[in-house]
Amino acid sequence: MSVVVVATITPKPEYRDEVIAAMKQAIPLVHAEDGCELYALHADDDQLVMVERWTSADALKKHGTEAPAMRDFNAAIGDKLAAPTVVLRLDAIPAGDQAKGQLL
């Protein structure tokens, strides 16, 4: 079963564009990682949110601990965040229409 992750990143307002640029640079590299099924950036006025889906917990672990894209991204954003990144690893609770009630 796939592993779903939602990561919320809160850049300092003056660095928002730089953090987004660093994310846009990392995203194609993450898409090429083994086990990446979905890695999509979303935003509101203050926060950036990555919605992720990985083939397994092992693939997710490699992404977080071994992936050059993440190492480079973390170095690029350095002190540009207003708060620590919040990462939620989620288990689906399917309900209703199968296609609409879960990230497939």
Protein backbone atom coordinates (compact mmCIF):
# COMPACT_ATOMS: atom_id res chain seq x y z
CA MET A 1 0.00 0.00 0.00
CA SER A 2 1.22 3.48 -0.81
CA VAL A 3 2.41 5.89 1.87
CA VAL A 4 0.90 9.39 1.83
CA VAL A 5 2.76 12.37 3.27
CA VAL A 6 1.75 15.98 3.71
CA ALA A 7 4.64 18.33 4.49
CA THR A 8 3.94 21.94 5.46
CA ILE A 9 6.72 24.47 4.97
CA THR A 10 6.39 28.03 6.26
CA PRO A 11 8.91 30.37 4.69
CA LYS A 12 9.70 33.78 6.10
CA PRO A 13 7.66 36.18 3.94
CA GLU A 14 10.74 37.86 2.48
CA TYR A 15 12.10 34.46 1.34
CA ARG A 16 8.91 32.91 -0.04
CA ASP A 17 9.95 33.22 -3.70
CA GLU A 18 13.42 31.82 -2.97
CA VAL A 19 11.99 28.82 -1.12
CA ILE A 20 9.54 28.15 -3.96
CA ALA A 21 12.40 28.38 -6.48
CA ALA A 22 14.41 25.86 -4.45
CA MET A 23 11.41 23.55 -4.34
CA LYS A 24 10.84 23.84 -8.08
CA GLN A 25 14.48 22.90 -8.61
CA ALA A 26 14.17 19.83 -6.35
CA ILE A 27 10.81 18.55 -7.62
CA PRO A 28 11.97 17.03 -10.95
CA LEU A 29 14.76 15.23 -9.09
CA VAL A 30 12.32 13.86 -6.53
CA HIS A 31 9.97 12.75 -9.31
CA ALA A 32 12.85 10.61 -10.62
CA GLU A 33 13.46 8.91 -7.25
CA ASP A 34 12.55 5.24 -6.97
CA GLY A 35 9.17 4.93 -5.31
CA CYS A 36 7.87 8.46 -5.94
CA GLU A 37 4.26 8.25 -7.13
CA LEU A 38 3.23 11.84 -6.39
CA TYR A 39 5.13 14.91 -5.25
CA ALA A 40 2.98 17.99 -5.78
CA LEU A 41 3.45 21.54 -4.48
CA HIS A 42 0.49 23.60 -3.25
CA ALA A 43 0.32 26.94 -1.46
CA ASP A 44 -1.82 29.38 0.42
CA ASP A 45 -0.80 32.90 1.46
CA ASP A 46 1.62 31.77 4.18
CA GLN A 47 2.45 28.11 3.74
CA LEU A 48 3.75 25.77 1.10
CA VAL A 49 2.39 22.23 1.19
CA MET A 50 3.84 19.15 -0.46
CA VAL A 51 1.37 16.34 -1.05
CA GLU A 52 3.34 13.15 -1.55
CA ARG A 53 2.68 9.49 -2.27
CA TRP A 54 5.39 6.84 -2.09
CA THR A 55 5.29 3.16 -3.03
CA SER A 56 6.55 2.10 0.41
CA ALA A 57 7.85 3.27 3.75
CA ASP A 58 11.34 2.28 2.57
CA ALA A 59 11.08 4.54 -0.49
CA LEU A 60 9.96 7.41 1.73
CA LYS A 61 12.82 6.76 4.16
CA LYS A 62 15.38 6.85 1.32
CA HIS A 63 13.85 10.11 0.09
CA GLY A 64 14.23 11.68 3.51
CA THR A 65 17.66 10.35 4.40
CA GLU A 66 19.59 9.64 1.19
CA ALA A 67 18.17 11.76 -1.63
CA PRO A 68 20.56 14.38 -2.99
CA ALA A 69 17.57 16.54 -3.96
CA MET A 70 16.50 16.84 -0.33
CA ARG A 71 20.04 17.47 0.92
CA ASP A 72 20.46 20.28 -1.62
CA PHE A 73 16.98 21.68 -0.93
CA ASN A 74 17.58 21.79 2.82
CA ALA A 75 20.91 23.53 2.28
CA ALA A 76 19.30 26.07 -0.06
CA ILE A 77 16.52 27.06 2.34
CA GLY A 78 18.81 27.24 5.41
CA ASP A 79 17.45 29.95 7.69
CA LYS A 80 14.66 31.03 5.33
CA LEU A 81 11.87 29.29 7.27
CA ALA A 82 9.63 30.96 9.84
CA ALA A 83 8.84 27.64 11.56
CA PRO A 84 10.02 24.04 11.50
CA THR A 85 8.64 21.93 8.67
CA VAL A 86 5.72 19.75 9.75
CA VAL A 87 5.68 16.31 8.13
CA LEU A 88 2.65 14.05 8.52
CA ARG A 89 2.78 10.43 7.37
CA LEU A 90 -0.82 9.43 6.81
CA ASP A 91 -2.78 6.21 6.43
CA ALA A 92 -5.82 6.34 4.16
CA ILE A 93 -9.26 5.73 5.57
CA PRO A 94 -11.22 5.10 2.35
CA ALA A 95 -14.82 6.22 2.43
CA GLY A 96 -17.47 6.91 -0.15
CA ASP A 97 -16.56 6.72 -3.82
CA GLN A 98 -13.28 4.80 -4.16
CA ALA A 99 -11.88 7.24 -6.74
CA LYS A 100 -12.80 10.30 -4.68
CA GLY A 101 -12.32 9.07 -1.12
CA GLN A 102 -8.57 8.46 -1.19
CA LEU A 103 -5.36 9.40 -2.99
CA LEU A 104 -4.94 6.54 -5.45
